[in-house]
Protein backbone atom coordinates (compact mmCIF):
# COMPACT_ATOMS: atom_id res chain seq x y z
CA MET A 1 30.54 139.04 -92.82
CA TYR A 2 32.57 136.54 -94.90
CA ALA A 3 29.54 134.25 -95.28
CA ILE A 4 27.45 137.13 -96.60
CA ARG A 5 30.14 138.21 -99.06
CA SER A 6 30.65 134.62 -100.28
CA TYR A 7 26.93 134.29 -100.75
CA TYR A 8 26.64 137.52 -102.74
CA GLU A 9 29.62 136.59 -104.88
CA TYR A 10 28.24 133.16 -105.64
CA VAL A 11 24.83 134.48 -106.69
CA TYR A 12 26.19 137.19 -108.99
CA GLU A 13 29.08 135.20 -110.42
CA PHE A 14 26.97 132.13 -111.12
CA ARG A 15 24.18 134.09 -112.73
CA ASP A 16 26.66 135.71 -115.11
CA LYS A 17 28.27 132.39 -115.97
CA LEU A 18 24.91 130.67 -116.48
CA CYS A 19 24.23 133.14 -119.26
CA GLY A 20 27.73 132.61 -120.60
CA PRO A 21 30.22 129.75 -120.39
CA TYR A 22 28.12 127.45 -118.17
CA GLU A 23 25.00 127.71 -120.34
CA LYS A 24 25.71 124.65 -122.46
CA PHE A 25 26.44 122.50 -119.40
CA ILE A 26 22.95 122.63 -117.95
CA CYS A 27 19.66 121.59 -119.55
CA GLU A 28 17.21 124.34 -120.44
CA GLN A 29 14.68 123.53 -117.72
CA ASP A 30 17.35 123.34 -114.99
CA HIS A 31 18.86 126.54 -116.37
CA GLU A 32 15.56 128.39 -116.03
CA ASN A 33 14.89 126.93 -112.57
CA PHE A 34 18.36 127.79 -111.32
CA LEU A 35 18.18 131.34 -112.64
CA ARG A 36 14.83 131.72 -110.90
CA LEU A 37 16.33 130.37 -107.66
CA LEU A 38 19.25 132.79 -107.95
CA THR A 39 16.82 135.69 -108.42
CA GLU A 40 14.72 134.57 -105.45
CA THR A 41 17.91 134.27 -103.45
CA GLU A 42 18.97 137.79 -104.38
CA ASP A 43 15.54 139.08 -103.37
CA TRP A 44 15.86 137.23 -100.06
CA LEU A 45 19.25 138.86 -99.53
CA TYR A 46 17.80 142.34 -99.82
CA GLU A 47 14.65 141.62 -97.84
CA GLU A 48 14.75 139.02 -95.08
CA GLY A 49 18.41 138.12 -95.49
CA GLU A 50 19.86 141.34 -94.18
CA ASP A 51 19.14 140.42 -90.57
CA GLN A 52 19.85 136.68 -90.69
CA ALA A 53 22.45 134.74 -88.75
CA LYS A 54 25.58 133.46 -90.47
CA GLN A 55 24.18 129.91 -90.59
CA ALA A 56 21.24 131.07 -92.73
CA TYR A 57 23.69 132.26 -95.39
CA VAL A 58 25.72 129.08 -95.13
CA ASP A 59 22.59 126.96 -95.55
CA LYS A 60 21.37 128.99 -98.53
CA LEU A 61 24.81 128.84 -100.16
CA GLU A 62 24.94 125.06 -99.73
CA GLU A 63 21.50 124.80 -101.35
CA LEU A 64 22.72 126.77 -104.36
CA MET A 65 25.96 124.80 -104.57
CA LYS A 66 24.06 121.50 -104.79
CA ILE A 67 22.80 122.69 -108.16
CA GLY A 68 25.72 124.83 -109.26
CA THR A 69 28.67 122.59 -108.44
CA PRO A 70 27.81 119.84 -110.96
CA VAL A 71 27.45 122.49 -113.68
CA LYS A 72 30.81 124.00 -112.75
CA VAL A 73 32.44 120.55 -112.73
CA ARG A 74 31.06 119.72 -116.20
CA PHE A 75 32.43 123.03 -117.48
CA GLN A 76 35.86 122.40 -115.95
CA GLU A 77 35.98 118.86 -117.35
CA ALA A 78 35.13 120.14 -120.81
CA GLU A 79 37.87 122.77 -120.54
CA GLU A 80 40.47 120.21 -119.41
CA ARG A 81 39.44 117.39 -121.77
CA PRO A 82 41.47 118.49 -124.84
CA LYS A 83 44.65 118.75 -122.77
CA MET A 84 44.01 115.33 -121.22
CA PHE A 85 43.47 113.76 -124.65
CA GLU A 86 46.70 115.32 -125.86
CA GLU A 87 48.58 113.92 -122.87
CA LEU A 88 46.99 110.51 -123.43
CA GLY A 89 48.05 110.56 -127.07
CA GLN A 90 51.62 111.44 -126.11
CA ARG A 91 51.75 108.63 -123.57
CA LEU A 92 50.33 106.13 -126.03
CA GLN A 93 52.98 107.12 -128.57
CA HIS A 94 55.66 106.76 -125.91
CA TYR A 95 54.49 103.26 -124.93
CA ALA A 96 54.10 102.24 -128.57
CA LYS A 97 57.74 103.23 -129.12
CA ILE A 98 58.81 101.21 -126.08
CA ALA A 99 56.90 98.19 -127.38
CA ALA A 100 58.41 98.58 -130.87
CA ASP A 101 61.91 98.88 -129.41
CA PHE A 102 61.33 95.76 -127.34
CA ARG A 103 60.05 93.83 -130.39
CA ASN A 104 63.15 94.89 -132.33
CA LYS A 105 65.46 93.75 -129.53
CA VAL A 106 63.69 90.41 -129.22
CA SER A 107 63.75 89.97 -132.98
CA GLN A 108 67.49 90.81 -133.16
CA SER A 109 68.25 88.53 -130.22
CA PHE A 110 66.34 85.70 -131.84
CA CYS A 111 68.15 86.18 -135.16
CA THR A 112 71.53 86.27 -133.39
CA TYR A 113 70.64 83.11 -131.52
CA LEU A 114 69.79 81.30 -134.76
CA TRP A 115 73.11 82.17 -136.45
């Protein structure tokens, strides 16, 4: 029963997101093909799929995930990218300060040594 529910959830959730937040992370042709596959999958669920073994659902879900997972990953990366750039900027500033402090110490030590 869990395999069937997971399968249903994936089909409906992904279709909604393809026409929403995921839309710009998939090319137009792949978008159309994937939507068509999701529709065919839903039709299969209500026709032949009702009496299938668990493995049939697992196999179908894996087929969909081969296409959907890269789209989902691109979306997640785009969502996380601004935060990562901010963290990178903070770290660069931190290391620049360390380098400046070190240069100042070396410079002061060198001047003290000369006097």
